[in-house]
Amino acid sequence: MDMSDEDRAAALMADVLEDRYGLVVDVVEPVHMGTDTINRRVLTEDGLRLYVKEYRSTADVAAARSAWDMSEYCRAARIPVPRVWPDTDGDLVTIAEGCAWAVIDEAPGRVSTTAMTVALAEHIGVVMGRMHRVLAAYPMPKQVQQSRWRTATVEDTAARCDRVLASALRQGHERLDQLRLDLDQRREDLHEQVHRHRERLPHELVEQALHADLTRTNLIVLADTVTGVIDFRGARAMPAWELGRSAFDPRTVANSADWIPCALAMVRAYLAENPSLPLEEVRACARIALLYMLFSFYGATTSEYGLPFAAEADLKQHWRERQTTIRLLLDHLDKLDDTFSGLSVGGGGS
């Protein structure tokens, strides 16, 4: 989109905000991230700092409405979730100028792109534990989070390695030799690791309504405090999966010598806030995180998403950090098992 197109799009957005929300725009700043929405920061003439999402034509508006409803439910329970503005008809997603829109208060802070500190990991655990406890009473969403890590066959997933490589060849992937090595390693890990680690998971895992995309990119942070949980997906999923995915955040595992203390701090804080999740599931979260990464190819190729340069570079880095995280988890699972065996419902652990 060239500058004149961006100006026209911003003017259109300003018309929508005035017509549907009674807000007068002063300053608009594009935010070049996101795949399902076009995002902008807005300062109104009244001094309000807002975040505006314009949904692409391919977006599932019903799913977006459900996600915003869950977001407001959590905000009402005093979880740090920015308010989504209702439009003049009271709708959390408005339809105007042929598009769907959502307007949200901007939380203080920013998305952190560096490894977690132990203090931040602990606060994420507090927020997630409270959220899971609150959402246990929320109606089960229609959307179901995929669980290939638990149910997909090794053979089908190993075959995806070949399809990913073929796609990379078509796209002219600039690090094809490295990707080929990565996929060879992934194929080997799938065959050697999956069965024995699945065998050690609890037979049944709790399912409930969850954010379902509670990753570092969807947390606004100020110092070592979570000030905003954003971009709810709103799906039926397993709390142990969401906990493991956050506790073993690849940005931290791949870049910090303190990744195990960070994971332990998050899990202990989580347990203190949500003691109802069975301990055996909490203790399994590292293994679940490992399996989830083994079955995910997100970021192996990027051209298909049509992302801005900064977002594409971030996704490529995400793939590399995941590769490193898989290796570190495989090397340290025994130590993690020993560490997590000391966890108790009161959040204890050595």
Protein backbone atom coordinates (compact mmCIF):
# COMPACT_ATOMS: atom_id res chain seq x y z
CA MET A 1 0.00 0.00 0.00
CA ASP A 2 1.62 3.31 -1.08
CA MET A 3 1.38 6.49 0.95
CA SER A 4 -1.70 7.85 -0.82
CA ASP A 5 -3.51 4.53 -0.32
CA GLU A 6 -2.61 4.57 3.37
CA ASP A 7 -3.88 8.15 3.66
CA ARG A 8 -7.19 7.18 2.04
CA ALA A 9 -7.51 4.14 4.29
CA ALA A 10 -6.82 6.26 7.39
CA ALA A 11 -9.42 8.81 6.29
CA LEU A 12 -11.94 5.99 5.83
CA MET A 13 -11.15 4.71 9.32
CA ALA A 14 -11.61 8.23 10.74
CA ASP A 15 -15.07 8.38 9.15
CA VAL A 16 -15.98 5.01 10.69
CA LEU A 17 -14.84 6.09 14.16
CA GLU A 18 -16.82 9.30 14.00
CA ASP A 19 -19.95 7.70 12.56
CA ARG A 20 -20.04 4.47 14.59
CA TYR A 21 -18.30 5.52 17.83
CA GLY A 22 -18.63 9.30 18.07
CA LEU A 23 -14.83 9.64 18.17
CA VAL A 24 -12.90 12.36 16.35
CA VAL A 25 -9.44 11.28 15.13
CA ASP A 26 -6.42 13.54 15.55
CA VAL A 27 -3.37 11.34 14.78
CA VAL A 28 -3.13 7.95 13.05
CA GLU A 29 -0.10 5.64 13.15
CA PRO A 30 -0.08 2.39 11.14
CA VAL A 31 1.11 -0.75 12.94
CA HIS A 32 2.67 -3.15 10.46
CA MET A 33 1.91 -6.40 12.26
CA GLY A 34 -0.95 -8.88 12.12
CA THR A 35 -2.26 -11.25 9.47
CA ASP A 36 -6.06 -11.14 9.94
CA THR A 37 -6.36 -7.41 10.60
CA ILE A 38 -4.97 -4.07 9.49
CA ASN A 39 -3.94 -2.32 12.70
CA ARG A 40 -3.56 1.35 13.58
CA ARG A 41 -2.86 3.39 16.69
CA VAL A 42 -5.10 6.42 17.03
CA LEU A 43 -5.01 9.53 19.18
CA THR A 44 -8.40 11.26 19.35
CA GLU A 45 -9.03 14.99 19.73
CA ASP A 46 -10.12 14.22 23.31
CA GLY A 47 -6.71 12.69 24.05
CA LEU A 48 -7.81 9.05 24.03
CA ARG A 49 -5.17 6.53 22.91
CA LEU A 50 -6.85 3.74 20.97
CA TYR A 51 -5.98 0.73 18.87
CA VAL A 52 -8.16 0.14 15.82
CA LYS A 53 -8.46 -3.17 14.01
CA GLU A 54 -9.83 -3.32 10.48
CA TYR A 55 -10.65 -6.94 9.65
CA ARG A 56 -9.68 -8.29 6.26
CA SER A 57 -12.45 -9.57 3.99
CA THR A 58 -11.44 -13.17 4.72
CA ALA A 59 -11.83 -12.77 8.50
CA ASP A 60 -14.42 -14.77 10.44
CA VAL A 61 -16.53 -11.97 11.95
CA ALA A 62 -18.58 -14.33 14.13
CA ALA A 63 -15.38 -15.72 15.65
CA ALA A 64 -14.12 -12.17 16.21
CA ARG A 65 -17.32 -11.25 18.06
CA SER A 66 -16.97 -14.34 20.27
CA ALA A 67 -13.34 -13.52 21.03
CA TRP A 68 -14.18 -9.94 22.05
CA ASP A 69 -17.00 -11.21 24.26
CA MET A 70 -14.48 -13.45 26.08
CA SER A 71 -12.07 -10.51 26.33
CA GLU A 72 -14.72 -8.35 28.04
CA TYR A 73 -15.67 -11.24 30.35
CA CYS A 74 -12.07 -11.42 31.54
CA ARG A 75 -11.81 -7.64 31.90
CA ALA A 76 -14.93 -7.66 34.09
CA ALA A 77 -13.10 -10.17 36.33
CA ARG A 78 -10.28 -7.62 36.80
CA ILE A 79 -7.78 -9.38 34.58
CA PRO A 80 -5.61 -6.75 32.79
CA VAL A 81 -7.47 -6.72 29.48
CA PRO A 82 -7.94 -3.46 27.53
CA ARG A 83 -11.55 -2.40 27.01
CA VAL A 84 -13.13 -2.94 23.61
CA TRP A 85 -15.46 -0.09 22.73
CA PRO A 86 -19.09 -0.85 21.84
CA ASP A 87 -20.34 1.02 18.81
CA THR A 88 -23.49 3.15 18.76
CA ASP A 89 -25.60 -0.03 18.64
CA GLY A 90 -23.70 -1.69 21.50
CA ASP A 91 -21.82 -4.11 19.23
CA LEU A 92 -18.19 -4.98 20.01
CA VAL A 93 -17.47 -5.46 16.28
CA THR A 94 -18.99 -2.87 13.99
CA ILE A 95 -19.72 -3.28 10.27
CA ALA A 96 -19.06 -0.13 8.25
CA GLU A 97 -17.84 0.73 4.74
CA GLY A 98 -17.98 -2.95 3.83
CA CYS A 99 -15.55 -4.00 6.58
CA ALA A 100 -15.61 -5.15 10.20
CA TRP A 101 -13.88 -2.99 12.81
CA ALA A 102 -12.99 -3.12 16.50
CA VAL A 103 -11.78 -0.24 18.68
CA ILE A 104 -9.77 -0.97 21.83
CA ASP A 105 -8.14 1.10 24.55
CA GLU A 106 -4.36 1.09 24.19
CA ALA A 107 -2.70 -0.50 27.22
CA PRO A 108 0.42 1.20 28.62
CA GLY A 109 3.63 -0.59 27.67
CA ARG A 110 4.58 -2.63 24.63
CA VAL A 111 4.99 -6.15 23.32
CA SER A 112 8.33 -7.40 24.63
CA THR A 113 10.66 -8.89 22.01
CA THR A 114 13.35 -10.05 24.43
CA ALA A 115 13.69 -13.01 26.77
CA MET A 116 11.52 -12.99 29.90
CA THR A 117 12.94 -12.11 33.28
CA VAL A 118 12.00 -14.35 36.19
CA ALA A 119 9.84 -11.53 37.58
CA LEU A 120 7.92 -11.15 34.31
CA ALA A 121 7.49 -14.92 33.99
CA GLU A 122 6.03 -14.97 37.49
CA HIS A 123 3.54 -12.22 36.70
CA ILE A 124 2.49 -13.95 33.47
CA GLY A 125 1.83 -17.05 35.59
CA VAL A 126 -0.33 -15.02 37.98
CA VAL A 127 -2.36 -13.49 35.13
CA MET A 128 -2.75 -16.79 33.27
CA GLY A 129 -3.73 -18.68 36.42
CA ARG A 130 -6.44 -16.13 37.23
CA MET A 131 -7.65 -16.13 33.66
CA HIS A 132 -7.91 -19.91 33.50
CA ARG A 133 -9.75 -19.95 36.83
CA VAL A 134 -12.22 -17.31 35.58
CA LEU A 135 -12.70 -18.94 32.16
CA ALA A 136 -13.45 -22.34 33.70
CA ALA A 137 -16.99 -20.96 34.19
CA TYR A 138 -17.23 -19.49 30.67
CA PRO A 139 -19.45 -21.28 28.09
CA MET A 140 -17.45 -23.66 25.91
CA PRO A 141 -16.59 -21.90 22.62
CA LYS A 142 -17.56 -23.39 19.26
CA GLN A 143 -14.00 -22.95 18.04
CA VAL A 144 -11.69 -25.82 19.01
CA GLN A 145 -7.92 -25.38 19.23
CA GLN A 146 -6.11 -27.96 17.11
CA SER A 147 -4.26 -30.63 19.07
CA ARG A 148 -2.13 -32.30 16.40
CA TRP A 149 0.57 -32.67 19.05
CA ARG A 150 -1.69 -35.20 20.75
CA THR A 151 -3.57 -36.89 17.90
CA ALA A 152 -1.80 -36.51 14.53
CA THR A 153 0.18 -39.46 13.19
CA VAL A 154 3.95 -39.27 12.91
CA GLU A 155 3.75 -40.48 9.31
CA ASP A 156 1.39 -37.71 8.18
CA THR A 157 3.42 -35.06 9.98
CA ALA A 158 6.74 -36.31 8.62
CA ALA A 159 5.20 -36.09 5.14
CA ARG A 160 4.51 -32.40 5.82
CA CYS A 161 8.27 -31.88 5.97
CA ASP A 162 8.44 -32.73 2.26
CA ARG A 163 5.55 -30.40 1.45
CA VAL A 164 7.14 -27.55 3.40
CA LEU A 165 10.42 -28.01 1.55
CA ALA A 166 8.62 -28.08 -1.81
CA SER A 167 6.84 -24.86 -0.88
CA ALA A 168 10.16 -23.27 0.12
CA LEU A 169 11.64 -24.23 -3.27
CA ARG A 170 8.74 -22.57 -5.08
CA GLN A 171 9.06 -19.44 -2.96
CA GLY A 172 12.81 -19.11 -3.48
CA HIS A 173 13.57 -19.48 0.23
CA GLU A 174 16.87 -17.68 0.91
CA ARG A 175 18.18 -20.24 3.44
CA LEU A 176 17.14 -23.43 1.70
CA ASP A 177 20.13 -25.52 2.83
CA GLN A 178 19.49 -24.65 6.48
CA LEU A 179 15.77 -25.33 6.14
CA ARG A 180 16.53 -28.73 4.60
CA LEU A 181 18.71 -29.55 7.63
CA ASP A 182 15.98 -28.31 9.98
CA LEU A 183 13.35 -30.48 8.32
CA ASP A 184 15.62 -33.54 8.30
CA GLN A 185 16.11 -33.05 12.04
CA ARG A 186 12.35 -32.59 12.52
CA ARG A 187 11.62 -35.81 10.65
CA GLU A 188 14.11 -37.66 12.86
CA ASP A 189 12.65 -36.16 16.05
CA LEU A 190 9.12 -37.06 15.04
CA HIS A 191 10.06 -40.71 14.56
CA GLU A 192 12.29 -40.98 17.64
CA GLN A 193 10.59 -38.76 20.22
CA VAL A 194 6.85 -38.52 19.75
CA HIS A 195 5.65 -41.94 20.85
CA ARG A 196 7.69 -42.10 24.05
CA HIS A 197 6.74 -38.59 25.13
CA ARG A 198 3.06 -39.05 24.34
CA GLU A 199 3.16 -42.21 26.46
CA ARG A 200 4.11 -40.11 29.48
CA LEU A 201 1.23 -37.65 29.19
CA PRO A 202 -1.85 -38.01 31.43
CA HIS A 203 -4.50 -40.11 29.72
CA GLU A 204 -7.14 -37.38 30.07
CA LEU A 205 -6.48 -33.64 29.90
CA VAL A 206 -8.83 -30.93 31.12
CA GLU A 207 -10.47 -28.85 28.38
CA GLN A 208 -12.16 -25.49 28.86
CA ALA A 209 -12.63 -22.07 27.30
CA LEU A 210 -9.25 -20.37 26.85
CA HIS A 211 -7.63 -17.34 25.23
CA ALA A 212 -5.92 -19.96 23.01
CA ASP A 213 -3.19 -17.64 21.71
CA LEU A 214 -1.64 -16.45 24.95
CA THR A 215 1.87 -15.96 23.61
CA ARG A 216 4.39 -13.18 24.21
CA THR A 217 3.19 -11.28 21.13
CA ASN A 218 -0.26 -10.96 22.73
CA LEU A 219 0.94 -9.56 26.06
CA ILE A 220 1.53 -5.85 26.63
CA VAL A 221 4.25 -5.41 29.24
CA LEU A 222 5.52 -2.48 31.29
CA ALA A 223 8.68 -3.21 33.31
CA ASP A 224 8.05 -6.74 34.63
CA THR A 225 4.26 -6.42 34.72
CA VAL A 226 1.59 -7.55 32.29
CA THR A 227 -0.58 -4.49 31.58
CA GLY A 228 -2.66 -5.91 28.75
CA VAL A 229 -3.75 -9.29 27.41
CA ILE A 230 -4.79 -8.80 23.78
CA ASP A 231 -5.93 -10.67 20.66
CA PHE A 232 -8.04 -13.39 22.22
CA ARG A 233 -8.65 -16.30 19.90
CA GLY A 234 -11.36 -17.70 22.15
CA ALA A 235 -11.37 -21.47 21.73
CA ARG A 236 -11.87 -24.74 23.55
CA ALA A 237 -8.40 -25.94 24.53
CA MET A 238 -6.30 -27.54 27.27
CA PRO A 239 -4.95 -25.32 30.06
CA ALA A 240 -1.79 -27.46 30.35
CA TRP A 241 -1.07 -26.74 26.67
CA GLU A 242 -1.50 -22.98 27.08
CA LEU A 243 0.65 -23.02 30.23
CA GLY A 244 3.43 -25.05 28.59
CA ARG A 245 3.39 -22.91 25.48
CA SER A 246 3.96 -19.77 27.58
CA ALA A 247 6.34 -21.22 30.17
CA PHE A 248 8.65 -22.50 27.43
CA ASP A 249 8.43 -19.41 25.25
CA PRO A 250 11.07 -19.85 22.51
CA ARG A 251 12.23 -16.23 22.81
CA THR A 252 13.27 -17.03 26.36
CA VAL A 253 14.45 -20.63 26.06
CA ALA A 254 16.63 -19.88 23.02
CA ASN A 255 18.13 -16.67 24.41
CA SER A 256 18.36 -16.83 28.21
CA ALA A 257 20.40 -18.95 30.60
CA ASP A 258 17.52 -18.42 33.07
CA TRP A 259 14.89 -20.19 31.00
CA ILE A 260 14.36 -22.99 33.54
CA PRO A 261 14.01 -20.59 36.53
CA CYS A 262 11.59 -18.54 34.35
CA ALA A 263 9.48 -21.62 33.56
CA LEU A 264 9.42 -22.71 37.20
CA ALA A 265 8.46 -19.20 38.40
CA MET A 266 5.59 -19.06 35.91
CA VAL A 267 4.27 -22.51 36.76
CA ARG A 268 4.48 -21.95 40.53
CA ALA A 269 2.63 -18.62 40.24
CA TYR A 270 0.05 -20.24 37.97
CA LEU A 271 -0.62 -23.03 40.47
CA ALA A 272 -1.06 -20.54 43.30
CA GLU A 273 -3.81 -18.81 41.28
CA ASN A 274 -5.39 -21.89 39.70
CA PRO A 275 -4.91 -24.86 42.05
CA SER A 276 -7.76 -26.83 40.46
CA LEU A 277 -5.77 -27.96 37.41
CA PRO A 278 -4.56 -31.51 38.23
CA LEU A 279 -0.92 -31.53 39.27
CA GLU A 280 -0.04 -34.29 36.82
CA GLU A 281 -1.15 -32.00 33.98
CA VAL A 282 0.86 -29.08 35.30
CA ARG A 283 3.93 -31.30 35.61
CA ALA A 284 3.42 -32.47 32.00
CA CYS A 285 3.42 -28.95 30.52
CA ALA A 286 7.07 -29.07 29.35
CA ARG A 287 6.46 -32.32 27.48
CA ILE A 288 3.28 -30.87 25.97
CA ALA A 289 5.21 -27.77 24.86
CA LEU A 290 7.83 -29.98 23.21
CA LEU A 291 5.24 -32.06 21.36
CA TYR A 292 3.37 -28.93 20.27
CA MET A 293 6.54 -27.50 18.70
CA LEU A 294 7.42 -30.79 17.00
CA PHE A 295 4.06 -30.77 15.23
CA SER A 296 4.16 -27.10 14.20
CA PHE A 297 5.77 -25.79 11.01
CA TYR A 298 4.71 -22.18 11.51
CA GLY A 299 7.48 -19.90 10.28
CA ALA A 300 9.35 -22.51 8.22
CA THR A 301 8.17 -20.58 5.17
CA THR A 302 6.78 -17.05 5.23
CA SER A 303 5.99 -15.81 1.72
CA GLU A 304 2.46 -17.23 1.78
CA TYR A 305 1.40 -14.78 4.51
CA GLY A 306 2.18 -11.57 2.62
CA LEU A 307 3.58 -9.95 5.77
CA PRO A 308 5.32 -6.59 6.08
CA PHE A 309 9.11 -6.89 6.28
CA ALA A 310 9.34 -6.50 10.08
CA ALA A 311 6.62 -9.09 10.73
CA GLU A 312 8.18 -11.52 8.26
CA ALA A 313 11.60 -11.15 9.90
CA ASP A 314 10.02 -11.79 13.30
CA LEU A 315 8.35 -14.97 12.01
CA LYS A 316 11.65 -16.25 10.57
CA GLN A 317 13.31 -15.61 13.91
CA HIS A 318 10.46 -17.45 15.63
CA TRP A 319 11.19 -20.55 13.53
CA ARG A 320 14.90 -20.45 14.40
CA GLU A 321 14.18 -19.99 18.10
CA ARG A 322 11.74 -22.86 18.07
CA GLN A 323 14.36 -25.12 16.54
CA THR A 324 16.76 -24.22 19.35
CA THR A 325 14.04 -24.65 21.98
CA ILE A 326 13.19 -28.16 20.79
CA ARG A 327 16.82 -29.23 21.21
CA LEU A 328 17.12 -27.66 24.66
CA LEU A 329 13.89 -29.24 25.87
CA LEU A 330 15.00 -32.66 24.65
CA ASP A 331 18.32 -32.22 26.47
CA HIS A 332 16.74 -31.05 29.73
CA LEU A 333 13.45 -32.97 30.07
CA ASP A 334 14.81 -35.24 32.80
CA LYS A 335 15.93 -32.21 34.82
CA LEU A 336 12.56 -30.54 34.25
CA ASP A 337 10.74 -33.69 35.36
CA ASP A 338 12.76 -33.69 38.59
CA THR A 339 12.17 -29.98 39.14
CA PHE A 340 8.44 -30.15 38.46
CA SER A 341 7.97 -33.26 40.61
CA GLY A 342 8.39 -30.97 43.64
CA LEU A 343 5.46 -28.74 42.67
CA SER A 344 2.49 -28.69 45.01
CA VAL A 345 -0.98 -27.20 44.84
CA GLY A 346 0.17 -24.30 47.00
CA GLY A 347 2.59 -23.34 44.21
CA GLY A 348 5.59 -24.85 45.95
CA GLY A 349 8.65 -26.33 44.36
CA SER A 350 12.36 -26.23 44.84
